[in-house]
């Protein structure tokens, strides 16, 4: 079935419209953007990161969410692959209120967004400490981490399975090997 969205709409209209859809969409610059399908490696890396975070963080202290919670960044509404925020009391909420960590796993159709618009938007979030872009096919993780209140212009790049991703705001480290388990 073909679903046609209005060419442009407001953020509020998008939120009402997207609530009636099964497909995944994002909203930026008044436009609706349909999200791409993902590869098995993309799904594995996303799951592995979720499990690694879940085994290291207290569920009483943190909410760890995958692909389904809206992050409002300026005029955009994004649905990151993985995000972590302090546990929120409103169990019926559809949006992330204060993301600490946002991770996007690359897809061929989203490379320009993850390193472009999303990067610029996410780094404006006052509660965000770390933005990760993760390759789904080989150990390569780009890490933007806030230091002294600011994000660096260039990311740190982690490319070896024996390294760790340090997440000081969450007081944890994740071995790269854990993120790439099952990826050959």
Protein backbone atom coordinates (compact mmCIF):
# COMPACT_ATOMS: atom_id res chain seq x y z
CA UNK A 1 0.00 0.00 0.00
CA UNK A 2 1.29 3.46 -0.86
CA UNK A 3 1.06 6.06 1.89
CA UNK A 4 1.20 9.68 0.83
CA UNK A 5 2.12 12.30 3.37
CA UNK A 6 1.42 15.96 2.79
CA UNK A 7 4.39 17.62 1.10
CA UNK A 8 4.97 19.84 4.15
CA UNK A 9 3.36 19.99 7.57
CA UNK A 10 3.93 21.28 11.06
CA UNK A 11 5.69 19.30 13.75
CA UNK A 12 2.39 18.86 15.62
CA UNK A 13 0.63 17.62 12.45
CA UNK A 14 3.48 15.18 11.84
CA UNK A 15 3.21 13.75 15.35
CA UNK A 16 -0.54 13.17 14.89
CA UNK A 17 -0.01 11.72 11.38
CA UNK A 18 2.90 9.40 12.25
CA UNK A 19 0.97 7.95 15.19
CA UNK A 20 -1.36 6.31 12.62
CA UNK A 21 1.45 4.64 10.61
CA UNK A 22 3.18 1.29 10.87
CA UNK A 23 6.19 2.38 8.82
CA UNK A 24 8.99 4.42 10.36
CA UNK A 25 9.25 8.12 9.53
CA UNK A 26 11.16 11.15 10.73
CA UNK A 27 10.43 14.83 10.32
CA UNK A 28 12.86 17.57 9.34
CA UNK A 29 12.46 21.01 7.83
CA UNK A 30 8.70 20.60 7.49
CA UNK A 31 9.16 17.39 5.46
CA UNK A 32 8.30 13.78 6.23
CA UNK A 33 11.14 11.33 5.64
CA UNK A 34 10.46 7.59 5.38
CA UNK A 35 13.15 5.54 7.10
CA UNK A 36 14.96 2.84 5.17
CA UNK A 37 14.87 -0.88 5.79
CA UNK A 38 17.90 -2.25 7.59
CA UNK A 39 20.32 -5.12 7.00
CA UNK A 40 20.76 -8.10 9.30
CA UNK A 41 24.12 -6.65 10.46
CA UNK A 42 22.38 -3.36 11.29
CA UNK A 43 19.83 -5.25 13.38
CA UNK A 44 22.57 -7.31 15.09
CA UNK A 45 24.67 -4.28 16.01
CA UNK A 46 21.58 -2.46 17.32
CA UNK A 47 20.55 -5.49 19.40
CA UNK A 48 24.10 -6.01 20.69
CA UNK A 49 24.36 -2.39 21.80
CA UNK A 50 20.98 -2.62 23.50
CA UNK A 51 22.02 -5.78 25.36
CA UNK A 52 25.40 -4.30 26.34
CA UNK A 53 23.71 -1.20 27.74
CA UNK A 54 20.99 -3.23 29.44
CA UNK A 55 23.47 -5.42 31.30
CA UNK A 56 25.46 -2.42 32.54
CA UNK A 57 22.77 0.12 33.44
CA UNK A 58 20.13 -0.06 36.15
CA UNK A 59 16.58 -0.11 34.79
CA UNK A 60 15.52 1.92 37.83
CA UNK A 61 17.92 4.70 36.83
CA UNK A 62 17.87 4.59 33.01
CA UNK A 63 15.50 4.01 30.12
CA UNK A 64 17.15 2.34 27.12
CA UNK A 65 15.06 2.65 23.97
CA UNK A 66 15.28 1.43 20.41
CA UNK A 67 13.91 3.18 17.30
CA UNK A 68 10.52 4.04 18.72
CA UNK A 69 10.93 7.16 20.83
CA UNK A 70 10.86 10.62 19.35
CA UNK A 71 13.75 12.98 19.96
CA UNK A 72 12.73 16.58 19.38
CA UNK A 73 15.71 18.57 18.14
CA UNK A 74 14.71 22.03 17.03
CA UNK A 75 12.09 21.68 14.30
CA UNK A 76 12.96 18.02 13.68
CA UNK A 77 11.61 14.81 15.14
CA UNK A 78 14.07 11.91 14.97
CA UNK A 79 13.83 8.27 16.02
CA UNK A 80 17.41 7.16 16.78
CA UNK A 81 18.41 3.51 16.61
CA UNK A 82 19.33 3.49 20.33
CA UNK A 83 19.05 6.09 23.06
CA UNK A 84 19.55 6.23 26.79
CA UNK A 85 18.03 8.76 29.17
CA UNK A 86 17.39 8.98 32.88
CA UNK A 87 14.33 6.92 33.83
CA UNK A 88 11.17 8.90 33.18
CA UNK A 89 8.04 8.58 35.32
CA UNK A 90 5.54 8.92 32.43
CA UNK A 91 5.19 5.39 31.05
CA UNK A 92 2.77 6.57 28.34
CA UNK A 93 5.11 9.18 26.87
CA UNK A 94 6.06 8.86 23.20
CA UNK A 95 9.13 11.09 23.34
CA UNK A 96 12.57 11.11 24.87
CA UNK A 97 12.80 13.99 27.31
CA UNK A 98 16.51 14.12 28.11
CA UNK A 99 18.74 11.83 26.02
CA UNK A 100 22.21 11.23 27.43
CA UNK A 101 23.37 8.84 24.69
CA UNK A 102 22.14 8.61 21.10
CA UNK A 103 23.46 5.99 18.68
CA UNK A 104 22.75 5.67 14.98
CA UNK A 105 23.77 2.55 13.06
CA UNK A 106 24.65 3.39 9.47
CA UNK A 107 22.56 2.30 6.51
CA UNK A 108 23.53 3.04 2.90
CA UNK A 109 20.59 5.43 2.58
CA UNK A 110 21.20 7.29 5.86
CA UNK A 111 24.95 7.99 5.81
CA UNK A 112 24.48 11.62 4.75
CA UNK A 113 21.76 12.17 7.40
CA UNK A 114 23.66 10.56 10.29
CA UNK A 115 26.81 12.59 9.57
CA UNK A 116 24.87 15.69 8.47
CA UNK A 117 21.51 16.90 9.70
CA UNK A 118 21.22 14.44 12.59
CA UNK A 119 24.72 15.23 13.82
CA UNK A 120 24.02 18.98 13.83
CA UNK A 121 20.60 18.50 15.47
CA UNK A 122 21.63 16.01 18.13
CA UNK A 123 24.66 18.01 19.24
CA UNK A 124 22.35 20.91 20.13
CA UNK A 125 20.51 18.83 22.76
CA UNK A 126 21.51 20.19 26.18
CA UNK A 127 21.33 16.82 27.95
CA UNK A 128 23.22 14.83 25.32
CA UNK A 129 26.67 13.66 26.41
CA UNK A 130 27.56 11.19 23.64
CA UNK A 131 26.56 10.67 20.01
CA UNK A 132 27.72 7.45 18.36
CA UNK A 133 27.60 6.55 14.69
CA UNK A 134 28.27 2.84 14.25
CA UNK A 135 29.20 0.95 11.10
CA UNK A 136 27.11 -2.22 10.82
CA UNK A 137 29.66 -4.23 8.85
CA UNK A 138 33.06 -3.66 10.46
CA UNK A 139 34.42 -2.31 13.73
CA UNK A 140 34.20 1.42 13.20
CA UNK A 141 32.52 3.73 15.69
CA UNK A 142 32.58 7.52 15.48
CA UNK A 143 32.27 9.07 18.96
CA UNK A 144 31.31 12.67 19.73
CA UNK A 145 31.59 13.17 23.48
CA UNK A 146 30.92 16.40 25.33
CA UNK A 147 33.99 17.69 27.17
CA UNK A 148 33.97 20.86 29.25
CA UNK A 149 30.45 21.61 28.00
CA UNK A 150 31.21 21.32 24.27
CA UNK A 151 31.39 18.67 21.58
CA UNK A 152 34.55 18.32 19.50
CA UNK A 153 34.50 19.32 15.84
CA UNK A 154 35.86 15.91 14.86
CA UNK A 155 34.91 12.58 16.44
CA UNK A 156 37.16 10.01 18.01
CA UNK A 157 37.15 6.91 15.81
CA UNK A 158 37.33 3.44 17.33
CA UNK A 159 38.28 0.70 14.86
CA UNK A 160 39.56 -2.31 16.82
CA UNK A 161 37.58 -5.08 18.46
CA UNK A 162 39.86 -5.04 21.52
CA UNK A 163 39.02 -1.39 22.32
CA UNK A 164 36.22 -0.03 24.51
CA UNK A 165 33.63 2.70 24.07
CA UNK A 166 33.84 4.80 27.20
CA UNK A 167 30.61 6.43 28.35
CA UNK A 168 31.61 8.52 31.38
CA UNK A 169 28.19 10.17 31.80
CA UNK A 170 26.78 6.67 32.33
CA UNK A 171 29.88 5.47 34.25
CA UNK A 172 30.34 2.45 31.95
CA UNK A 173 32.56 1.10 29.20
CA UNK A 174 31.41 -1.25 26.45
CA UNK A 175 33.89 -3.55 24.70
CA UNK A 176 33.74 -3.08 20.92
CA UNK A 177 33.69 -6.88 20.67
CA UNK A 178 30.31 -6.89 22.47
CA UNK A 179 28.85 -4.49 19.89
CA UNK A 180 30.12 -6.56 16.94
CA UNK A 181 29.29 -10.02 18.28
CA UNK A 182 28.03 -12.10 15.32
CA UNK A 183 29.49 -9.74 12.70
CA UNK A 184 32.30 -11.36 10.71
